[in-house]
């Protein structure tokens, strides 16, 4: 008789907070995944988004 295995439940990740997103951008830039200009542009858009949310 076959045994049915259920996959483990994986919690849904929560959205990153503003500070966590900034830190992630900085880490990606330091690691070379983003250029200085890309990191700056993403920080500006992140700040604009945070301001629009209140």
Protein backbone atom coordinates (compact mmCIF):
# COMPACT_ATOMS: atom_id res chain seq x y z
CA UNK A 1 0.00 0.00 0.00
CA UNK A 2 1.55 3.38 -1.00
CA UNK A 3 2.27 5.98 1.64
CA UNK A 4 1.15 9.50 0.81
CA UNK A 5 3.54 12.20 1.89
CA UNK A 6 2.35 15.74 2.29
CA UNK A 7 4.78 18.55 1.57
CA UNK A 8 5.87 20.64 4.54
CA UNK A 9 3.92 23.81 5.03
CA UNK A 10 5.94 26.89 4.25
CA UNK A 11 4.83 30.11 5.91
CA UNK A 12 4.08 33.00 3.62
CA UNK A 13 6.89 35.53 3.99
CA UNK A 14 5.88 38.92 5.30
CA UNK A 15 6.72 42.01 3.25
CA UNK A 16 10.00 43.66 4.20
CA UNK A 17 9.86 46.82 6.27
CA UNK A 18 11.32 50.05 4.88
CA UNK A 19 14.52 49.70 6.94
CA UNK A 20 14.98 46.09 5.86
CA UNK A 21 14.55 47.05 2.21
CA UNK A 22 17.15 49.82 2.55
CA UNK A 23 19.59 47.42 4.19
CA UNK A 24 19.02 44.88 1.42
CA UNK A 25 19.74 47.52 -1.23
CA UNK A 26 22.97 48.47 0.53
CA UNK A 27 24.07 44.85 0.81
CA UNK A 28 23.32 44.20 -2.88
CA UNK A 29 25.30 47.28 -3.87
CA UNK A 30 28.28 46.29 -1.69
CA UNK A 31 28.23 42.78 -3.16
CA UNK A 32 28.33 44.21 -6.68
CA UNK A 33 24.83 43.10 -7.71
CA UNK A 34 23.77 46.73 -8.22
CA UNK A 35 25.72 49.65 -9.58
CA UNK A 36 25.90 52.82 -7.53
CA UNK A 37 23.39 54.48 -9.84
CA UNK A 38 20.95 51.56 -9.66
CA UNK A 39 21.15 51.49 -5.88
CA UNK A 40 20.59 55.26 -5.69
CA UNK A 41 17.59 55.07 -8.04
CA UNK A 42 16.06 52.23 -6.03
CA UNK A 43 16.60 54.11 -2.74
CA UNK A 44 14.87 57.17 -4.20
CA UNK A 45 11.89 55.12 -5.39
CA UNK A 46 11.74 53.35 -2.02
CA UNK A 47 11.73 56.69 -0.20
CA UNK A 48 9.03 58.04 -2.54
CA UNK A 49 6.93 54.94 -1.94
CA UNK A 50 7.35 55.22 1.84
CA UNK A 51 6.33 58.89 1.79
CA UNK A 52 3.23 58.14 -0.28
CA UNK A 53 2.16 55.46 2.20
CA UNK A 54 2.31 57.93 5.06
